[in-house]
Amino acid sequence: MQDHALAPGGQPDLNQLRTFLAVYRLGSFTAAARQLGLSQSTVTAQVRSLEQRQGRELFERQARGAAALPAADELAARVAEPLDRLAGAADEHPPAEPVHLAGPAELIGTVLLAALAPLVADGVRLRVSAGLTDPLLAELRAGRHDLVVATRRPTGRALLAEPLADEEFVLVAAPDWPASPGPVGAAAEELAAALPRLPLVSYADDLPIVRRYWRHVFGRRLHARAAVTVPDLRAVRAAVVAGAGWSVLPEYLCRAELASGALVPLHLPDDPPINTAYLVHRPDPAPNPHLAVVRERLLAAARAW
């Protein structure tokens, strides 16, 4: 018996065969149309055309689907494997795995994602996590992340770190803050004495950023308690802009507010405290080609901060 599916002059096109195979495997014209992104009328027309070329029906139309007839079983046995191989050959370069990036939520959300956004159009996929340095480095060692932005250099040889950027810290308040200790630029001794008695906004009760600023700039221990504690520096910034109190923030995070006057620096020391952020990764070669692309983009963006 002549095989009408492959006979010269009567050979169906690939679209008809792909549509037939979708209906055959799904048992439904409607489901095949959804999978192929076609209208149901187009699927029906292509199968009918194929049936005309075959000279026999392929499916029994039912109220809830399409039941394959023996002719459909025979045709599917002949064309399924070649069509699957052809579909695989057309997708020789499947999408690379996502690059898993982790680091401080404020730095990622304010700076890093904007720098990486253009890579998405080139096929780069990202999975981003936020957290504190120590647990993120532990997860990096365990393979959960590809890159971690750390606020300190990791110890040991299990991880490689390269300096990413220096964060400068600024002592700030709203310009019309009712509890202001005096004019901007007041003497260091006046500020060091007055501010601990005024409302302080911090992202942690132990005041790590503010205490470090106090030791570095004023050369003394800070004895103060936070009036507002919120574990997100962007929320700290918003509270200070709204007049809740004073705080110490990374300069990159409040650059726009300082430029617009929404925040003012209460002190401008010659030697402000600086913290270096590091880009950390495992030393073993990465199979994902996009990892190097993301790493280089982050380092380039950091140079422009």
C-alpha atoms as a PDB file:
ATOM      1  CA  MET A   1       0.000   0.000   0.000  1.00  0.00           C
ATOM      2  CA  GLN A   2       1.302   3.392  -0.979  1.00  0.00           C
ATOM      3  CA  ASP A   3       2.188   5.680   1.974  1.00  0.00           C
ATOM      4  CA  HIS A   4       0.337   8.892   1.132  1.00  0.00           C
ATOM      5  CA  ALA A   5       2.089  10.769   3.976  1.00  0.00           C
ATOM      6  CA  LEU A   6       5.444  10.437   2.212  1.00  0.00           C
ATOM      7  CA  ALA A   7       4.454   9.816  -1.385  1.00  0.00           C
ATOM      8  CA  PRO A   8       5.773  12.256  -4.062  1.00  0.00           C
ATOM      9  CA  GLY A   9       3.160  14.793  -5.029  1.00  0.00           C
ATOM     10  CA  GLY A  10       1.038  13.955  -2.041  1.00  0.00           C
ATOM     11  CA  GLN A  11       3.490  14.786   0.745  1.00  0.00           C
ATOM     12  CA  PRO A  12       1.996  16.933   3.550  1.00  0.00           C
ATOM     13  CA  ASP A  13       3.955  19.859   4.900  1.00  0.00           C
ATOM     14  CA  LEU A  14       5.686  19.761   8.269  1.00  0.00           C
ATOM     15  CA  ASN A  15       3.095  22.017   9.879  1.00  0.00           C
ATOM     16  CA  GLN A  16       0.363  19.495   9.131  1.00  0.00           C
ATOM     17  CA  LEU A  17       2.432  16.669  10.583  1.00  0.00           C
ATOM     18  CA  ARG A  18       3.319  18.643  13.719  1.00  0.00           C
ATOM     19  CA  THR A  19      -0.345  19.532  14.221  1.00  0.00           C
ATOM     20  CA  PHE A  20      -1.422  15.922  13.671  1.00  0.00           C
ATOM     21  CA  LEU A  21       1.143  14.687  16.227  1.00  0.00           C
ATOM     22  CA  ALA A  22      -0.005  17.231  18.812  1.00  0.00           C
ATOM     23  CA  VAL A  23      -3.651  16.150  18.417  1.00  0.00           C
ATOM     24  CA  TYR A  24      -2.600  12.483  18.524  1.00  0.00           C
ATOM     25  CA  ARG A  25      -0.580  12.885  21.729  1.00  0.00           C
ATOM     26  CA  LEU A  26      -3.033  15.163  23.519  1.00  0.00           C
ATOM     27  CA  GLY A  27      -6.227  13.497  22.315  1.00  0.00           C
ATOM     28  CA  SER A  28      -7.854  16.858  21.745  1.00  0.00           C
ATOM     29  CA  PHE A  29      -8.049  19.479  19.009  1.00  0.00           C
ATOM     30  CA  THR A  30      -8.543  22.156  21.660  1.00  0.00           C
ATOM     31  CA  ALA A  31      -5.490  21.136  23.710  1.00  0.00           C
ATOM     32  CA  ALA A  32      -3.345  20.885  20.573  1.00  0.00           C
ATOM     33  CA  ALA A  33      -4.381  24.375  19.503  1.00  0.00           C
ATOM     34  CA  ARG A  34      -3.432  25.717  22.936  1.00  0.00           C
ATOM     35  CA  GLN A  35      -0.051  23.994  22.903  1.00  0.00           C
ATOM     36  CA  LEU A  36       0.797  25.104  19.359  1.00  0.00           C
ATOM     37  CA  GLY A  37      -0.487  28.640  19.775  1.00  0.00           C
ATOM     38  CA  LEU A  38      -2.977  28.216  16.919  1.00  0.00           C
ATOM     39  CA  SER A  39      -6.700  28.707  16.619  1.00  0.00           C
ATOM     40  CA  GLN A  40      -8.816  25.580  16.876  1.00  0.00           C
ATOM     41  CA  SER A  41     -10.147  26.175  13.369  1.00  0.00           C
ATOM     42  CA  THR A  42      -6.561  26.173  12.008  1.00  0.00           C
ATOM     43  CA  VAL A  43      -5.799  22.882  13.756  1.00  0.00           C
ATOM     44  CA  THR A  44      -8.994  21.343  12.399  1.00  0.00           C
ATOM     45  CA  ALA A  45      -8.256  22.559   8.871  1.00  0.00           C
ATOM     46  CA  GLN A  46      -4.700  21.177   8.909  1.00  0.00           C
ATOM     47  CA  VAL A  47      -5.828  17.760  10.138  1.00  0.00           C
ATOM     48  CA  ARG A  48      -8.605  17.634   7.518  1.00  0.00           C
ATOM     49  CA  SER A  49      -6.112  18.513   4.796  1.00  0.00           C
ATOM     50  CA  LEU A  50      -3.839  15.729   6.001  1.00  0.00           C
ATOM     51  CA  GLU A  51      -6.727  13.284   6.034  1.00  0.00           C
ATOM     52  CA  GLN A  52      -7.547  14.239   2.433  1.00  0.00           C
ATOM     53  CA  ARG A  53      -3.952  13.544   1.426  1.00  0.00           C
ATOM     54  CA  GLN A  54      -4.060  10.247   3.306  1.00  0.00           C
ATOM     55  CA  GLY A  55      -7.383   9.310   1.802  1.00  0.00           C
ATOM     56  CA  ARG A  56      -8.683   8.166   5.191  1.00  0.00           C
ATOM     57  CA  GLU A  57      -9.793   9.550   8.511  1.00  0.00           C
ATOM     58  CA  LEU A  58      -7.253   9.782  11.320  1.00  0.00           C
ATOM     59  CA  PHE A  59      -9.482  10.652  14.266  1.00  0.00           C
ATOM     60  CA  GLU A  60     -12.982   9.961  15.464  1.00  0.00           C
ATOM     61  CA  ARG A  61     -14.383  13.306  16.660  1.00  0.00           C
ATOM     62  CA  GLN A  62     -15.999  12.925  20.068  1.00  0.00           C
ATOM     63  CA  ALA A  63     -17.720  15.277  22.472  1.00  0.00           C
ATOM     64  CA  ARG A  64     -14.675  15.281  24.735  1.00  0.00           C
ATOM     65  CA  GLY A  65     -11.727  14.978  22.428  1.00  0.00           C
ATOM     66  CA  ALA A  66     -10.487  13.067  19.427  1.00  0.00           C
ATOM     67  CA  ALA A  67      -9.951   9.290  19.449  1.00  0.00           C
ATOM     68  CA  ALA A  68      -7.102   8.057  17.242  1.00  0.00           C
ATOM     69  CA  LEU A  69      -8.077   5.578  14.509  1.00  0.00           C
ATOM     70  CA  PRO A  70      -5.709   2.817  13.267  1.00  0.00           C
ATOM     71  CA  ALA A  71      -4.491   5.063  10.445  1.00  0.00           C
ATOM     72  CA  ALA A  72      -3.406   7.662  13.017  1.00  0.00           C
ATOM     73  CA  ASP A  73      -1.510   5.015  15.008  1.00  0.00           C
ATOM     74  CA  GLU A  74       0.312   3.959  11.849  1.00  0.00           C
ATOM     75  CA  LEU A  75       1.189   7.515  10.822  1.00  0.00           C
ATOM     76  CA  ALA A  76       2.316   8.507  14.319  1.00  0.00           C
ATOM     77  CA  ALA A  77       4.643   5.497  14.472  1.00  0.00           C
ATOM     78  CA  ARG A  78       6.324   6.694  11.278  1.00  0.00           C
ATOM     79  CA  VAL A  79       6.628  10.428  11.898  1.00  0.00           C
ATOM     80  CA  ALA A  80       6.950  10.909  15.685  1.00  0.00           C
ATOM     81  CA  GLU A  81      10.659  10.135  15.997  1.00  0.00           C
ATOM     82  CA  PRO A  82      11.789  12.199  12.971  1.00  0.00           C
ATOM     83  CA  LEU A  83       9.677  15.171  14.078  1.00  0.00           C
ATOM     84  CA  ASP A  84      11.075  14.973  17.628  1.00  0.00           C
ATOM     85  CA  ARG A  85      14.632  14.868  16.299  1.00  0.00           C
ATOM     86  CA  LEU A  86      13.913  17.837  14.065  1.00  0.00           C
ATOM     87  CA  ALA A  87      12.489  19.806  17.004  1.00  0.00           C
ATOM     88  CA  GLY A  88      15.596  19.021  19.045  1.00  0.00           C
ATOM     89  CA  ALA A  89      17.914  20.059  16.215  1.00  0.00           C
ATOM     90  CA  ALA A  90      16.109  23.389  15.954  1.00  0.00           C
ATOM     91  CA  ASP A  91      16.929  24.016  19.619  1.00  0.00           C
ATOM     92  CA  GLU A  92      20.694  23.311  19.535  1.00  0.00           C
ATOM     93  CA  HIS A  93      21.382  26.067  22.043  1.00  0.00           C
ATOM     94  CA  PRO A  94      18.892  25.736  24.911  1.00  0.00           C
ATOM     95  CA  PRO A  95      18.713  28.644  27.361  1.00  0.00           C
ATOM     96  CA  ALA A  96      21.542  28.720  29.876  1.00  0.00           C
ATOM     97  CA  GLU A  97      20.764  28.094  33.503  1.00  0.00           C
ATOM     98  CA  PRO A  98      19.951  31.181  35.597  1.00  0.00           C
ATOM     99  CA  VAL A  99      22.775  32.977  37.355  1.00  0.00           C
ATOM    100  CA  HIS A 100      22.058  32.967  41.104  1.00  0.00           C
ATOM    101  CA  LEU A 101      23.086  36.278  42.652  1.00  0.00           C
ATOM    102  CA  ALA A 102      22.762  37.180  46.325  1.00  0.00           C
ATOM    103  CA  GLY A 103      23.639  40.136  48.521  1.00  0.00           C
ATOM    104  CA  PRO A 104      22.256  43.050  50.544  1.00  0.00           C
ATOM    105  CA  ALA A 105      18.701  43.849  49.475  1.00  0.00           C
ATOM    106  CA  GLU A 106      19.371  47.601  49.361  1.00  0.00           C
ATOM    107  CA  LEU A 107      22.462  47.370  47.145  1.00  0.00           C
ATOM    108  CA  ILE A 108      20.896  44.837  44.799  1.00  0.00           C
ATOM    109  CA  GLY A 109      17.606  46.702  44.503  1.00  0.00           C
ATOM    110  CA  THR A 110      19.077  50.190  44.181  1.00  0.00           C
ATOM    111  CA  VAL A 111      22.162  49.638  42.017  1.00  0.00           C
ATOM    112  CA  LEU A 112      22.907  46.121  40.825  1.00  0.00           C
ATOM    113  CA  LEU A 113      19.657  45.085  39.118  1.00  0.00           C
ATOM    114  CA  ALA A 114      19.621  48.302  37.083  1.00  0.00           C
ATOM    115  CA  ALA A 115      23.154  47.512  35.900  1.00  0.00           C
ATOM    116  CA  LEU A 116      22.226  43.937  34.961  1.00  0.00           C
ATOM    117  CA  ALA A 117      18.875  44.723  33.298  1.00  0.00           C
ATOM    118  CA  PRO A 118      20.301  45.117  29.745  1.00  0.00           C
ATOM    119  CA  LEU A 119      21.685  41.562  29.884  1.00  0.00           C
ATOM    120  CA  VAL A 120      18.185  40.084  30.045  1.00  0.00           C
ATOM    121  CA  ALA A 121      17.574  41.011  26.409  1.00  0.00           C
ATOM    122  CA  ASP A 122      20.649  38.924  25.518  1.00  0.00           C
ATOM    123  CA  GLY A 123      19.208  35.817  27.137  1.00  0.00           C
ATOM    124  CA  VAL A 124      20.725  36.102  30.607  1.00  0.00           C
ATOM    125  CA  ARG A 125      18.438  34.735  33.322  1.00  0.00           C
ATOM    126  CA  LEU A 126      18.785  35.858  36.934  1.00  0.00           C
ATOM    127  CA  ARG A 127      17.646  34.474  40.263  1.00  0.00           C
ATOM    128  CA  VAL A 128      18.253  37.008  43.021  1.00  0.00           C
ATOM    129  CA  SER A 129      18.283  36.471  46.794  1.00  0.00           C
ATOM    130  CA  ALA A 130      18.809  38.968  49.585  1.00  0.00           C
ATOM    131  CA  GLY A 131      20.327  38.462  52.986  1.00  0.00           C
ATOM    132  CA  LEU A 132      23.213  39.030  55.362  1.00  0.00           C
ATOM    133  CA  THR A 133      26.800  38.272  54.413  1.00  0.00           C
ATOM    134  CA  ASP A 134      27.606  35.343  56.718  1.00  0.00           C
ATOM    135  CA  PRO A 135      24.630  33.096  55.830  1.00  0.00           C
ATOM    136  CA  LEU A 136      24.931  34.000  52.146  1.00  0.00           C
ATOM    137  CA  LEU A 137      28.611  32.989  52.088  1.00  0.00           C
ATOM    138  CA  ALA A 138      27.721  29.686  53.732  1.00  0.00           C
ATOM    139  CA  GLU A 139      25.084  29.097  51.057  1.00  0.00           C
ATOM    140  CA  LEU A 140      27.608  30.033  48.349  1.00  0.00           C
ATOM    141  CA  ARG A 141      30.010  27.365  49.652  1.00  0.00           C
ATOM    142  CA  ALA A 142      27.123  24.876  49.563  1.00  0.00           C
ATOM    143  CA  GLY A 143      26.370  25.709  45.924  1.00  0.00           C
ATOM    144  CA  ARG A 144      23.103  27.579  46.374  1.00  0.00           C
ATOM    145  CA  HIS A 145      24.427  30.784  44.778  1.00  0.00           C
ATOM    146  CA  ASP A 146      26.857  31.609  41.961  1.00  0.00           C
ATOM    147  CA  LEU A 147      27.827  35.123  43.075  1.00  0.00           C
ATOM    148  CA  VAL A 148      27.504  36.859  46.422  1.00  0.00           C
ATOM    149  CA  VAL A 149      28.001  40.537  47.143  1.00  0.00           C
ATOM    150  CA  ALA A 150      29.555  40.474  50.616  1.00  0.00           C
ATOM    151  CA  THR A 151      30.138  43.318  53.040  1.00  0.00           C
ATOM    152  CA  ARG A 152      33.409  41.733  54.189  1.00  0.00           C
ATOM    153  CA  ARG A 153      36.139  39.621  52.580  1.00  0.00           C
ATOM    154  CA  PRO A 154      35.628  35.910  53.326  1.00  0.00           C
ATOM    155  CA  THR A 155      38.411  34.002  55.046  1.00  0.00           C
ATOM    156  CA  GLY A 156      40.033  30.813  53.765  1.00  0.00           C
ATOM    157  CA  ARG A 157      40.617  29.533  50.243  1.00  0.00           C
ATOM    158  CA  ALA A 158      37.218  28.013  49.546  1.00  0.00           C
ATOM    159  CA  LEU A 159      35.949  31.261  47.994  1.00  0.00           C
ATOM    160  CA  LEU A 160      37.481  33.929  45.760  1.00  0.00           C
ATOM    161  CA  ALA A 161      36.708  37.597  46.440  1.00  0.00           C
ATOM    162  CA  GLU A 162      37.472  40.736  44.487  1.00  0.00           C
ATOM    163  CA  PRO A 163      36.752  44.300  45.642  1.00  0.00           C
ATOM    164  CA  LEU A 164      33.540  45.581  44.097  1.00  0.00           C
ATOM    165  CA  ALA A 165      33.013  49.077  45.484  1.00  0.00           C
ATOM    166  CA  ASP A 166      33.565  51.265  48.538  1.00  0.00           C
ATOM    167  CA  GLU A 167      30.494  52.402  50.467  1.00  0.00           C
ATOM    168  CA  GLU A 168      30.856  55.799  52.145  1.00  0.00           C
ATOM    169  CA  PHE A 169      28.584  56.499  55.108  1.00  0.00           C
ATOM    170  CA  VAL A 170      26.799  59.801  55.771  1.00  0.00           C
ATOM    171  CA  LEU A 171      25.217  61.192  58.949  1.00  0.00           C
ATOM    172  CA  VAL A 172      21.824  62.540  57.791  1.00  0.00           C
ATOM    173  CA  ALA A 173      18.484  64.008  58.853  1.00  0.00           C
ATOM    174  CA  ALA A 174      15.588  65.811  57.204  1.00  0.00           C
ATOM    175  CA  PRO A 175      16.243  69.561  56.722  1.00  0.00           C
ATOM    176  CA  ASP A 176      13.198  70.606  58.760  1.00  0.00           C
ATOM    177  CA  TRP A 177      13.580  67.908  61.399  1.00  0.00           C
ATOM    178  CA  PRO A 178      12.027  69.486  64.516  1.00  0.00           C
ATOM    179  CA  ALA A 179      14.592  67.932  66.854  1.00  0.00           C
ATOM    180  CA  SER A 180      17.587  69.115  64.849  1.00  0.00           C
ATOM    181  CA  PRO A 181      20.589  69.773  67.122  1.00  0.00           C
ATOM    182  CA  GLY A 182      21.597  72.862  65.195  1.00  0.00           C
ATOM    183  CA  PRO A 183      22.717  74.015  61.772  1.00  0.00           C
ATOM    184  CA  VAL A 184      24.226  71.618  59.280  1.00  0.00           C
ATOM    185  CA  GLY A 185      27.953  71.397  59.829  1.00  0.00           C
ATOM    186  CA  ALA A 186      27.800  71.951  63.580  1.00  0.00           C
ATOM    187  CA  ALA A 187      30.996  71.212  65.456  1.00  0.00           C
ATOM    188  CA  ALA A 188      31.791  67.531  65.946  1.00  0.00           C
ATOM    189  CA  GLU A 189      31.759  67.832  69.727  1.00  0.00           C
ATOM    190  CA  GLU A 190      28.304  69.429  69.710  1.00  0.00           C
ATOM    191  CA  LEU A 191      26.888  66.718  67.466  1.00  0.00           C
ATOM    192  CA  ALA A 192      28.486  63.880  69.400  1.00  0.00           C
ATOM    193  CA  ALA A 193      26.931  65.218  72.585  1.00  0.00           C
ATOM    194  CA  ALA A 194      23.505  66.201  71.246  1.00  0.00           C
ATOM    195  CA  LEU A 195      22.521  63.444  68.792  1.00  0.00           C
ATOM    196  CA  PRO A 196      22.476  60.467  71.219  1.00  0.00           C
ATOM    197  CA  ARG A 197      19.694  62.231  73.132  1.00  0.00           C
ATOM    198  CA  LEU A 198      17.562  62.681  69.990  1.00  0.00           C
ATOM    199  CA  PRO A 199      15.434  60.113  68.073  1.00  0.00           C
ATOM    200  CA  LEU A 200      17.564  57.682  66.105  1.00  0.00           C
ATOM    201  CA  VAL A 201      16.404  55.446  63.219  1.00  0.00           C
ATOM    202  CA  SER A 202      18.358  52.211  62.738  1.00  0.00           C
ATOM    203  CA  TYR A 203      18.016  48.918  60.874  1.00  0.00           C
ATOM    204  CA  ALA A 204      19.112  46.884  63.931  1.00  0.00           C
ATOM    205  CA  ASP A 205      18.914  47.339  67.688  1.00  0.00           C
ATOM    206  CA  ASP A 206      22.682  46.962  68.107  1.00  0.00           C
ATOM    207  CA  LEU A 207      23.240  49.987  65.804  1.00  0.00           C
ATOM    208  CA  PRO A 208      26.194  48.501  63.864  1.00  0.00           C
ATOM    209  CA  ILE A 209      26.492  51.233  61.215  1.00  0.00           C
ATOM    210  CA  VAL A 210      25.928  54.114  63.619  1.00  0.00           C
ATOM    211  CA  ARG A 211      28.341  52.727  66.233  1.00  0.00           C
ATOM    212  CA  ARG A 212      31.028  52.287  63.609  1.00  0.00           C
ATOM    213  CA  TYR A 213      30.505  55.849  62.402  1.00  0.00           C
ATOM    214  CA  TRP A 214      30.792  57.130  65.992  1.00  0.00           C
ATOM    215  CA  ARG A 215      34.052  55.319  66.638  1.00  0.00           C
ATOM    216  CA  HIS A 216      35.590  56.357  63.318  1.00  0.00           C
ATOM    217  CA  VAL A 217      34.489  60.007  63.230  1.00  0.00           C
ATOM    218  CA  PHE A 218      34.088  61.031  66.860  1.00  0.00           C
ATOM    219  CA  GLY A 219      36.552  58.596  68.427  1.00  0.00           C
ATOM    220  CA  ARG A 220      34.189  57.465  71.179  1.00  0.00           C
ATOM    221  CA  ARG A 221      31.575  54.864  71.991  1.00  0.00           C
ATOM    222  CA  LEU A 222      27.969  55.658  71.187  1.00  0.00           C
ATOM    223  CA  HIS A 223      25.506  55.427  74.058  1.00  0.00           C
ATOM    224  CA  ALA A 224      22.084  55.603  72.405  1.00  0.00           C
ATOM    225  CA  ARG A 225      18.970  53.557  71.758  1.00  0.00           C
ATOM    226  CA  ALA A 226      17.000  53.517  68.544  1.00  0.00           C
ATOM    227  CA  ALA A 227      13.604  55.183  68.486  1.00  0.00           C
ATOM    228  CA  VAL A 228      12.728  53.306  65.278  1.00  0.00           C
ATOM    229  CA  THR A 229      14.208  49.986  64.165  1.00  0.00           C
ATOM    230  CA  VAL A 230      13.405  48.618  60.708  1.00  0.00           C
ATOM    231  CA  PRO A 231      15.497  45.880  59.010  1.00  0.00           C
ATOM    232  CA  ASP A 232      15.783  47.592  55.610  1.00  0.00           C
ATOM    233  CA  LEU A 233      17.981  50.608  54.931  1.00  0.00           C
ATOM    234  CA  ARG A 234      15.533  51.857  52.307  1.00  0.00           C
ATOM    235  CA  ALA A 235      12.869  52.000  55.008  1.00  0.00           C
ATOM    236  CA  VAL A 236      15.348  53.742  57.325  1.00  0.00           C
ATOM    237  CA  ARG A 237      15.887  56.325  54.602  1.00  0.00           C
ATOM    238  CA  ALA A 238      12.137  56.841  54.181  1.00  0.00           C
ATOM    239  CA  ALA A 239      11.645  57.285  57.933  1.00  0.00           C
ATOM    240  CA  VAL A 240      14.447  59.839  58.157  1.00  0.00           C
ATOM    241  CA  VAL A 241      13.104  61.769  55.148  1.00  0.00           C
ATOM    242  CA  ALA A 242       9.716  61.851  56.896  1.00  0.00           C
ATOM    243  CA  GLY A 243      11.297  63.394  59.995  1.00  0.00           C
ATOM    244  CA  ALA A 244      11.357  60.415  62.354  1.00  0.00           C
ATOM    245  CA  GLY A 245      14.936  61.108  63.433  1.00  0.00           C
ATOM    246  CA  TRP A 246      18.567  60.955  62.349  1.00  0.00           C
ATOM    247  CA  SER A 247      20.602  58.043  61.031  1.00  0.00           C
ATOM    248  CA  VAL A 248      23.741  56.966  59.184  1.00  0.00           C
ATOM    249  CA  LEU A 249      23.224  55.690  55.625  1.00  0.00           C
ATOM    250  CA  PRO A 250      25.391  54.543  52.716  1.00  0.00           C
ATOM    251  CA  GLU A 251      25.931  57.510  50.402  1.00  0.00           C
ATOM    252  CA  TYR A 252      24.777  55.585  47.310  1.00  0.00           C
ATOM    253  CA  LEU A 253      21.430  54.940  48.982  1.00  0.00           C
ATOM    254  CA  CYS A 254      20.652  58.570  49.771  1.00  0.00           C
ATOM    255  CA  ARG A 255      22.497  60.317  46.911  1.00  0.00           C
ATOM    256  CA  ALA A 256      19.298  61.495  45.246  1.00  0.00           C
ATOM    257  CA  GLU A 257      17.807  62.737  48.526  1.00  0.00           C
ATOM    258  CA  LEU A 258      20.984  64.683  49.330  1.00  0.00           C
ATOM    259  CA  ALA A 259      20.975  66.233  45.864  1.00  0.00           C
ATOM    260  CA  SER A 260      17.296  67.241  46.108  1.00  0.00           C
ATOM    261  CA  GLY A 261      17.534  68.513  49.678  1.00  0.00           C
ATOM    262  CA  ALA A 262      15.155  65.879  51.084  1.00  0.00           C
ATOM    263  CA  LEU A 263      18.060  64.927  53.362  1.00  0.00           C
ATOM    264  CA  VAL A 264      20.979  66.991  54.616  1.00  0.00           C
ATOM    265  CA  PRO A 265      24.345  65.828  55.984  1.00  0.00           C
ATOM    266  CA  LEU A 266      24.696  66.749  59.639  1.00  0.00           C
ATOM    267  CA  HIS A 267      28.470  66.396  59.509  1.00  0.00           C
ATOM    268  CA  LEU A 268      31.064  66.335  56.709  1.00  0.00           C
ATOM    269  CA  PRO A 269      34.207  64.735  58.110  1.00  0.00           C
ATOM    270  CA  ASP A 270      37.443  64.803  56.132  1.00  0.00           C
ATOM    271  CA  ASP A 271      37.751  61.053  56.584  1.00  0.00           C
ATOM    272  CA  PRO A 272      34.266  59.456  56.463  1.00  0.00           C
ATOM    273  CA  PRO A 273      33.962  55.764  57.307  1.00  0.00           C
ATOM    274  CA  ILE A 274      34.090  53.484  54.282  1.00  0.00           C
ATOM    275  CA  ASN A 275      33.137  49.836  53.895  1.00  0.00           C
ATOM    276  CA  THR A 276      34.316  47.724  50.944  1.00  0.00           C
ATOM    277  CA  ALA A 277      31.856  45.401  49.239  1.00  0.00           C
ATOM    278  CA  TYR A 278      33.285  42.255  47.631  1.00  0.00           C
ATOM    279  CA  LEU A 279      32.086  40.114  44.752  1.00  0.00           C
ATOM    280  CA  VAL A 280      32.575  36.507  45.862  1.00  0.00           C
ATOM    281  CA  HIS A 281      32.405  33.236  43.919  1.00  0.00           C
ATOM    282  CA  ARG A 282      33.678  29.686  44.104  1.00  0.00           C
ATOM    283  CA  PRO A 283      37.082  29.011  42.479  1.00  0.00           C
ATOM    284  CA  ASP A 284      35.955  26.050  40.365  1.00  0.00           C
ATOM    285  CA  PRO A 285      35.181  26.749  36.677  1.00  0.00           C
ATOM    286  CA  ALA A 286      31.525  27.589  36.090  1.00  0.00           C
ATOM    287  CA  PRO A 287      29.658  25.638  33.361  1.00  0.00           C
ATOM    288  CA  ASN A 288      27.212  28.521  32.910  1.00  0.00           C
ATOM    289  CA  PRO A 289      28.670  30.948  30.316  1.00  0.00           C
ATOM    290  CA  HIS A 290      26.474  33.770  31.593  1.00  0.00           C
ATOM    291  CA  LEU A 291      28.150  33.771  34.993  1.00  0.00           C
ATOM    292  CA  ALA A 292      31.247  35.506  33.590  1.00  0.00           C
ATOM    293  CA  VAL A 293      29.040  38.004  31.748  1.00  0.00           C
ATOM    294  CA  VAL A 294      27.175  38.956  34.935  1.00  0.00           C
ATOM    295  CA  ARG A 295      30.410  39.181  36.921  1.00  0.00           C
ATOM    296  CA  GLU A 296      32.061  41.490  34.397  1.00  0.00           C
ATOM    297  CA  ARG A 297      28.972  43.706  34.191  1.00  0.00           C
ATOM    298  CA  LEU A 298      28.855  44.077  37.974  1.00  0.00           C
ATOM    299  CA  LEU A 299      32.542  45.009  38.161  1.00  0.00           C
ATOM    300  CA  ALA A 300      32.128  47.538  35.332  1.00  0.00           C
ATOM    301  CA  ALA A 301      29.060  49.081  36.963  1.00  0.00           C
ATOM    302  CA  ALA A 302      30.872  49.349  40.302  1.00  0.00           C
ATOM    303  CA  ARG A 303      33.625  51.397  38.702  1.00  0.00           C
ATOM    304  CA  ALA A 304      31.026  53.979  37.696  1.00  0.00           C
ATOM    305  CA  TRP A 305      29.435  54.365  41.165  1.00  0.00           C
END
